[in-house]
C-alpha atoms as a PDB file:
ATOM      1  CA  UNK A   1     -13.744 -10.182  14.869  1.00  0.00           C
ATOM      2  CA  UNK A   2     -13.811 -12.427  11.823  1.00  0.00           C
ATOM      3  CA  UNK A   3     -10.392 -12.405  10.066  1.00  0.00           C
ATOM      4  CA  UNK A   4      -9.670 -14.321   6.868  1.00  0.00           C
ATOM      5  CA  UNK A   5      -6.346 -14.630   5.048  1.00  0.00           C
ATOM      6  CA  UNK A   6      -6.346 -15.276   1.294  1.00  0.00           C
ATOM      7  CA  UNK A   7      -3.464 -16.120  -1.018  1.00  0.00           C
ATOM      8  CA  UNK A   8      -3.460 -17.117  -4.679  1.00  0.00           C
ATOM      9  CA  UNK A   9      -1.061 -17.393  -7.566  1.00  0.00           C
ATOM     10  CA  UNK A  10      -1.262 -14.611 -10.147  1.00  0.00           C
ATOM     11  CA  UNK A  11      -0.198 -15.960 -13.517  1.00  0.00           C
ATOM     12  CA  UNK A  12      -0.110 -12.393 -14.876  1.00  0.00           C
ATOM     13  CA  UNK A  13       2.350 -11.212 -12.206  1.00  0.00           C
ATOM     14  CA  UNK A  14       4.164 -14.506 -11.769  1.00  0.00           C
ATOM     15  CA  UNK A  15       3.919 -14.615  -7.961  1.00  0.00           C
ATOM     16  CA  UNK A  16       1.519 -15.028  -5.054  1.00  0.00           C
ATOM     17  CA  UNK A  17      -0.863 -12.233  -4.115  1.00  0.00           C
ATOM     18  CA  UNK A  18      -2.142 -11.939  -0.548  1.00  0.00           C
ATOM     19  CA  UNK A  19      -4.871 -10.071   1.324  1.00  0.00           C
ATOM     20  CA  UNK A  20      -6.710 -10.111   4.625  1.00  0.00           C
ATOM     21  CA  UNK A  21     -10.406  -9.545   5.239  1.00  0.00           C
ATOM     22  CA  UNK A  22     -11.608  -8.195   8.587  1.00  0.00           C
ATOM     23  CA  UNK A  23     -15.309  -8.428   9.387  1.00  0.00           C
ATOM     24  CA  UNK A  24     -18.425 -10.307   8.400  1.00  0.00           C
ATOM     25  CA  UNK A  25     -20.834  -7.682   7.041  1.00  0.00           C
ATOM     26  CA  UNK A  26     -21.259  -4.031   6.202  1.00  0.00           C
ATOM     27  CA  UNK A  27     -19.883  -1.710   3.581  1.00  0.00           C
ATOM     28  CA  UNK A  28     -16.719  -2.979   1.913  1.00  0.00           C
ATOM     29  CA  UNK A  29     -13.666  -0.801   2.550  1.00  0.00           C
ATOM     30  CA  UNK A  30     -10.661  -1.413   0.311  1.00  0.00           C
ATOM     31  CA  UNK A  31      -7.387  -0.587   2.068  1.00  0.00           C
ATOM     32  CA  UNK A  32      -4.247  -0.040   0.002  1.00  0.00           C
ATOM     33  CA  UNK A  33      -0.834  -0.204   1.666  1.00  0.00           C
ATOM     34  CA  UNK A  34       1.440   2.796   1.775  1.00  0.00           C
ATOM     35  CA  UNK A  35       4.126   3.140  -0.886  1.00  0.00           C
ATOM     36  CA  UNK A  36       6.121  -0.086  -0.965  1.00  0.00           C
ATOM     37  CA  UNK A  37       4.014  -1.586   1.833  1.00  0.00           C
ATOM     38  CA  UNK A  38       2.318  -4.936   2.289  1.00  0.00           C
ATOM     39  CA  UNK A  39      -1.218  -6.125   3.032  1.00  0.00           C
ATOM     40  CA  UNK A  40      -0.526  -6.631   6.753  1.00  0.00           C
ATOM     41  CA  UNK A  41       0.759  -3.129   7.558  1.00  0.00           C
ATOM     42  CA  UNK A  42      -2.720  -1.701   8.236  1.00  0.00           C
ATOM     43  CA  UNK A  43      -3.022  -4.145  11.113  1.00  0.00           C
ATOM     44  CA  UNK A  44       0.602  -3.602  12.202  1.00  0.00           C
ATOM     45  CA  UNK A  45       0.016   0.162  12.463  1.00  0.00           C
ATOM     46  CA  UNK A  46      -3.026  -0.352  14.721  1.00  0.00           C
ATOM     47  CA  UNK A  47      -5.620   0.786  12.213  1.00  0.00           C
ATOM     48  CA  UNK A  48      -7.636  -2.455  12.284  1.00  0.00           C
ATOM     49  CA  UNK A  49      -7.911  -2.168  16.061  1.00  0.00           C
ATOM     50  CA  UNK A  50      -9.035   1.463  15.684  1.00  0.00           C
ATOM     51  CA  UNK A  51     -11.783   0.288  13.297  1.00  0.00           C
ATOM     52  CA  UNK A  52     -12.807  -2.627  15.547  1.00  0.00           C
ATOM     53  CA  UNK A  53     -16.061  -1.043  16.822  1.00  0.00           C
ATOM     54  CA  UNK A  54     -17.306  -0.612  13.243  1.00  0.00           C
ATOM     55  CA  UNK A  55     -16.133  -4.090  12.194  1.00  0.00           C
ATOM     56  CA  UNK A  56     -17.665  -5.825  15.218  1.00  0.00           C
ATOM     57  CA  UNK A  57     -20.957  -3.957  14.700  1.00  0.00           C
ATOM     58  CA  UNK A  58     -21.100  -5.197  11.091  1.00  0.00           C
ATOM     59  CA  UNK A  59     -20.900  -1.669   9.716  1.00  0.00           C
ATOM     60  CA  UNK A  60     -17.775  -2.279   7.590  1.00  0.00           C
ATOM     61  CA  UNK A  61     -15.621  -5.078   6.227  1.00  0.00           C
ATOM     62  CA  UNK A  62     -11.970  -4.203   5.563  1.00  0.00           C
ATOM     63  CA  UNK A  63     -10.138  -5.715   2.598  1.00  0.00           C
ATOM     64  CA  UNK A  64      -6.408  -5.045   3.019  1.00  0.00           C
ATOM     65  CA  UNK A  65      -4.682  -5.591  -0.323  1.00  0.00           C
ATOM     66  CA  UNK A  66      -1.091  -6.334  -1.200  1.00  0.00           C
ATOM     67  CA  UNK A  67       0.990  -4.125  -3.450  1.00  0.00           C
ATOM     68  CA  UNK A  68       3.164  -4.525  -6.528  1.00  0.00           C
ATOM     69  CA  UNK A  69       4.996  -1.225  -6.040  1.00  0.00           C
ATOM     70  CA  UNK A  70       8.402  -2.907  -6.179  1.00  0.00           C
ATOM     71  CA  UNK A  71       7.591  -4.185  -9.649  1.00  0.00           C
ATOM     72  CA  UNK A  72       6.024  -0.983 -10.934  1.00  0.00           C
ATOM     73  CA  UNK A  73       6.717   2.629  -9.984  1.00  0.00           C
ATOM     74  CA  UNK A  74       9.392   1.877  -7.366  1.00  0.00           C
ATOM     75  CA  UNK A  75      11.354  -0.330  -9.755  1.00  0.00           C
ATOM     76  CA  UNK A  76      14.313   1.921 -10.577  1.00  0.00           C
ATOM     77  CA  UNK A  77      15.318  -0.381 -13.428  1.00  0.00           C
ATOM     78  CA  UNK A  78      11.791  -0.723 -14.787  1.00  0.00           C
ATOM     79  CA  UNK A  79      10.285   0.498 -18.030  1.00  0.00           C
ATOM     80  CA  UNK A  80      10.003   4.274 -17.645  1.00  0.00           C
ATOM     81  CA  UNK A  81       6.328   4.853 -18.655  1.00  0.00           C
ATOM     82  CA  UNK A  82       5.164   2.507 -15.884  1.00  0.00           C
ATOM     83  CA  UNK A  83       6.873   4.470 -13.119  1.00  0.00           C
ATOM     84  CA  UNK A  84       5.106   7.165 -11.151  1.00  0.00           C
ATOM     85  CA  UNK A  85       6.050  10.815 -11.074  1.00  0.00           C
ATOM     86  CA  UNK A  86       6.029  10.514  -7.277  1.00  0.00           C
ATOM     87  CA  UNK A  87       8.703   7.817  -7.368  1.00  0.00           C
ATOM     88  CA  UNK A  88      10.759   9.996  -9.675  1.00  0.00           C
ATOM     89  CA  UNK A  89      10.463  12.892  -7.225  1.00  0.00           C
ATOM     90  CA  UNK A  90      11.575  10.597  -4.412  1.00  0.00           C
ATOM     91  CA  UNK A  91      14.847   9.921  -6.216  1.00  0.00           C
ATOM     92  CA  UNK A  92      17.910  11.762  -4.906  1.00  0.00           C
ATOM     93  CA  UNK A  93      18.753  14.909  -6.830  1.00  0.00           C
ATOM     94  CA  UNK A  94      21.059  17.875  -6.632  1.00  0.00           C
ATOM     95  CA  UNK A  95      19.853  20.774  -4.441  1.00  0.00           C
ATOM     96  CA  UNK A  96      18.387  23.807  -6.189  1.00  0.00           C
ATOM     97  CA  UNK A  97      19.605  27.317  -5.532  1.00  0.00           C
ATOM     98  CA  UNK A  98      18.511  28.421  -2.069  1.00  0.00           C
ATOM     99  CA  UNK A  99      17.882  24.883  -0.776  1.00  0.00           C
ATOM    100  CA  UNK A 100      19.809  23.432   2.115  1.00  0.00           C
ATOM    101  CA  UNK A 101      20.987  19.835   1.922  1.00  0.00           C
ATOM    102  CA  UNK A 102      19.277  17.729  -0.701  1.00  0.00           C
ATOM    103  CA  UNK A 103      15.980  19.635  -0.586  1.00  0.00           C
ATOM    104  CA  UNK A 104      12.586  18.096  -0.142  1.00  0.00           C
ATOM    105  CA  UNK A 105      12.421  14.621  -1.609  1.00  0.00           C
ATOM    106  CA  UNK A 106       8.640  14.061  -1.631  1.00  0.00           C
ATOM    107  CA  UNK A 107       5.809  16.159  -3.018  1.00  0.00           C
ATOM    108  CA  UNK A 108       7.745  19.339  -3.642  1.00  0.00           C
END
């Protein structure tokens, strides 16, 4: 399997951005990391290996992107309009009537 690592400086973000490309041909598949994740987690979780038959056959090329979640919606001290409603729901809160413990924290 052809694997390429890319890294470049983003002057807009003020830090390096990284990604990995798996494959040599086929339909491009853009892979975003989970909340707060990094570009390499798709491989770490075994998903690249699960896609290997399609990559090796030239059916798909995976582009695993990095994230800026820590600077955007997960930044608790960040500018409020740039934060996600999902991150706000993930914040600890007081339990509602009838809830045990702290209640559901994600996607209520």
